[in-house]
C-alpha cells in the first residue's frame, strides 16, 4: 500500500517504493532532477501485509463510528474503525494504544478518546449519534 503522502508529491518527485524480504515497505533512494540533489523522505511505517493481528480489545468497539468537528470555519469528519485487530482512522492510519483511550499514529500524532470526544493532534471531534 502506498503511503498517502506520496500522492501529494508531483509525479517527477515521487520516489519508488519497494518491499523488503520481511514485507516491510521501504522508499528507494532517488535523485530529483528538479532540485539537482539527492533527497530522502521519511515515511514512518503505518502497517504492512506481514503485521500480526492486533489485540482487538472488546472495549475498542465503543470507539468505532463517525466523528465531526469544525476547523477554520469548515466542517471535518473522521471515521474510526477496526481492521486486523487495530483501530484505524479513515481506514488509513493505524492507531497504537499506549494507555487506555490514548493512542498514537505511526508518526507519533496523539489520538485521545474521552467520553464521546476524539482529539487528533490539536483537532477536537464529537461522535455522531
Protein backbone atom coordinates (compact mmCIF):
# COMPACT_ATOMS: atom_id res chain seq x y z
CA UNK A 1 0.00 0.00 0.00
CA UNK A 2 1.44 3.38 -0.97
CA UNK A 3 1.89 5.97 1.73
CA UNK A 4 -0.85 8.67 1.41
CA UNK A 5 1.82 11.39 1.49
CA UNK A 6 3.23 10.24 -1.86
CA UNK A 7 0.01 11.21 -3.66
CA UNK A 8 0.71 14.83 -2.64
CA UNK A 9 4.04 14.91 -4.45
CA UNK A 10 4.35 15.90 -8.11
CA UNK A 11 4.85 12.87 -10.37
CA UNK A 12 8.51 13.73 -11.06
CA UNK A 13 9.30 13.78 -7.32
CA UNK A 14 7.61 10.52 -6.29
CA UNK A 15 10.20 8.04 -5.08
CA UNK A 16 9.98 4.38 -5.97
CA UNK A 17 8.59 2.12 -3.25
CA UNK A 18 9.59 -1.47 -2.77
CA UNK A 19 9.04 -4.20 -0.20
CA UNK A 20 11.98 -5.82 1.54
CA UNK A 21 12.14 -9.59 2.18
CA UNK A 22 10.32 -9.16 5.53
CA UNK A 23 7.36 -7.48 3.81
CA UNK A 24 8.28 -4.01 5.07
CA UNK A 25 7.65 -1.15 2.63
CA UNK A 26 10.76 0.94 2.00
CA UNK A 27 11.46 4.08 -0.02
CA UNK A 28 14.24 3.61 -2.55
CA UNK A 29 16.78 6.44 -2.68
CA UNK A 30 16.17 8.70 -5.65
CA UNK A 31 17.65 11.65 -7.47
CA UNK A 32 15.35 14.61 -8.12
CA UNK A 33 16.46 16.38 -11.32
CA UNK A 34 14.23 19.35 -10.47
CA UNK A 35 16.34 20.21 -7.43
CA UNK A 36 19.59 18.56 -8.60
CA UNK A 37 20.13 16.90 -5.26
CA UNK A 38 19.72 13.58 -3.61
CA UNK A 39 16.60 13.51 -1.49
CA UNK A 40 15.47 11.49 1.47
CA UNK A 41 11.86 11.33 2.58
CA UNK A 42 10.96 9.94 5.99
CA UNK A 43 7.80 7.85 5.81
CA UNK A 44 7.03 6.06 9.07
CA UNK A 45 5.67 2.55 8.61
CA UNK A 46 1.93 2.58 9.24
CA UNK A 47 1.20 -1.08 8.54
CA UNK A 48 2.40 -3.90 6.32
CA UNK A 49 0.95 -7.15 4.96
CA UNK A 50 3.28 -9.00 7.36
CA UNK A 51 1.77 -7.42 10.51
CA UNK A 52 0.43 -9.86 13.06
CA UNK A 53 -3.18 -9.21 14.11
CA UNK A 54 -3.61 -6.71 16.94
CA UNK A 55 -5.25 -7.30 20.33
CA UNK A 56 -8.77 -6.39 19.09
CA UNK A 57 -9.87 -5.29 22.56
CA UNK A 58 -13.65 -5.51 23.09
CA UNK A 59 -13.75 -2.04 24.69
CA UNK A 60 -12.50 -0.51 21.44
CA UNK A 61 -15.83 -1.26 19.74
CA UNK A 62 -17.45 1.70 21.53
CA UNK A 63 -14.90 4.00 19.83
CA UNK A 64 -15.86 2.95 16.29
CA UNK A 65 -18.02 5.37 14.32
CA UNK A 66 -18.00 8.78 12.71
CA UNK A 67 -16.82 11.94 14.43
CA UNK A 68 -17.31 15.54 13.29
CA UNK A 69 -15.56 18.79 14.08
CA UNK A 70 -15.22 22.35 12.81
CA UNK A 71 -11.86 23.88 11.88
CA UNK A 72 -11.20 27.34 10.47
CA UNK A 73 -14.88 27.69 9.67
CA UNK A 74 -15.19 24.39 7.79
CA UNK A 75 -16.60 21.07 8.89
CA UNK A 76 -14.46 17.95 9.07
CA UNK A 77 -15.32 14.31 9.60
CA UNK A 78 -13.25 11.26 10.52
CA UNK A 79 -14.20 7.61 10.77
CA UNK A 80 -12.80 5.25 13.39
CA UNK A 81 -12.99 1.56 12.50
CA UNK A 82 -11.38 -1.76 13.35
CA UNK A 83 -9.14 -3.68 10.97
CA UNK A 84 -6.80 -6.61 11.64
CA UNK A 85 -7.28 -6.17 15.39
CA UNK A 86 -6.35 -2.46 15.45
CA UNK A 87 -8.28 0.80 15.39
CA UNK A 88 -7.84 2.92 12.26
CA UNK A 89 -8.72 6.49 11.36
CA UNK A 90 -10.33 6.79 7.92
CA UNK A 91 -9.25 3.20 7.12
CA UNK A 92 -5.67 4.50 6.65
CA UNK A 93 -3.95 5.47 9.90
CA UNK A 94 -3.37 2.57 12.28
CA UNK A 95 -3.59 3.50 15.96
CA UNK A 96 -1.29 2.00 18.58
CA UNK A 97 -2.55 2.05 22.16
CA UNK A 98 -0.14 3.39 24.78
CA UNK A 99 -2.69 3.61 27.62
CA UNK A 100 -6.43 3.07 27.77
CA UNK A 101 -8.03 5.62 25.40
CA UNK A 102 -4.61 7.10 24.49
CA UNK A 103 -3.22 6.10 21.10
CA UNK A 104 -0.60 7.30 18.62
CA UNK A 105 -0.29 7.14 14.84
CA UNK A 106 2.87 5.88 13.10
CA UNK A 107 4.25 9.44 13.04
CA UNK A 108 3.51 9.83 16.78
CA UNK A 109 0.45 12.08 16.48
CA UNK A 110 -1.56 11.79 19.71
CA UNK A 111 -5.08 10.38 19.41
CA UNK A 112 -7.17 10.63 22.59
CA UNK A 113 -10.68 9.34 23.24
CA UNK A 114 -12.65 10.93 26.09
CA UNK A 115 -16.31 10.10 26.52
CA UNK A 116 -17.90 10.94 23.15
CA UNK A 117 -14.94 13.06 22.01
CA UNK A 118 -11.90 12.33 19.89
CA UNK A 119 -8.81 14.52 19.76
CA UNK A 120 -6.36 14.01 16.89
CA UNK A 121 -3.36 16.26 17.41
CA UNK A 122 -4.99 19.60 18.20
CA UNK A 123 -8.30 18.87 16.46
CA UNK A 124 -11.38 18.06 18.52
CA UNK A 125 -14.16 15.86 17.12
CA UNK A 126 -17.53 14.80 18.56
CA UNK A 127 -19.06 11.40 17.94
CA UNK A 128 -22.10 11.43 15.66
CA UNK A 129 -25.21 9.86 17.14
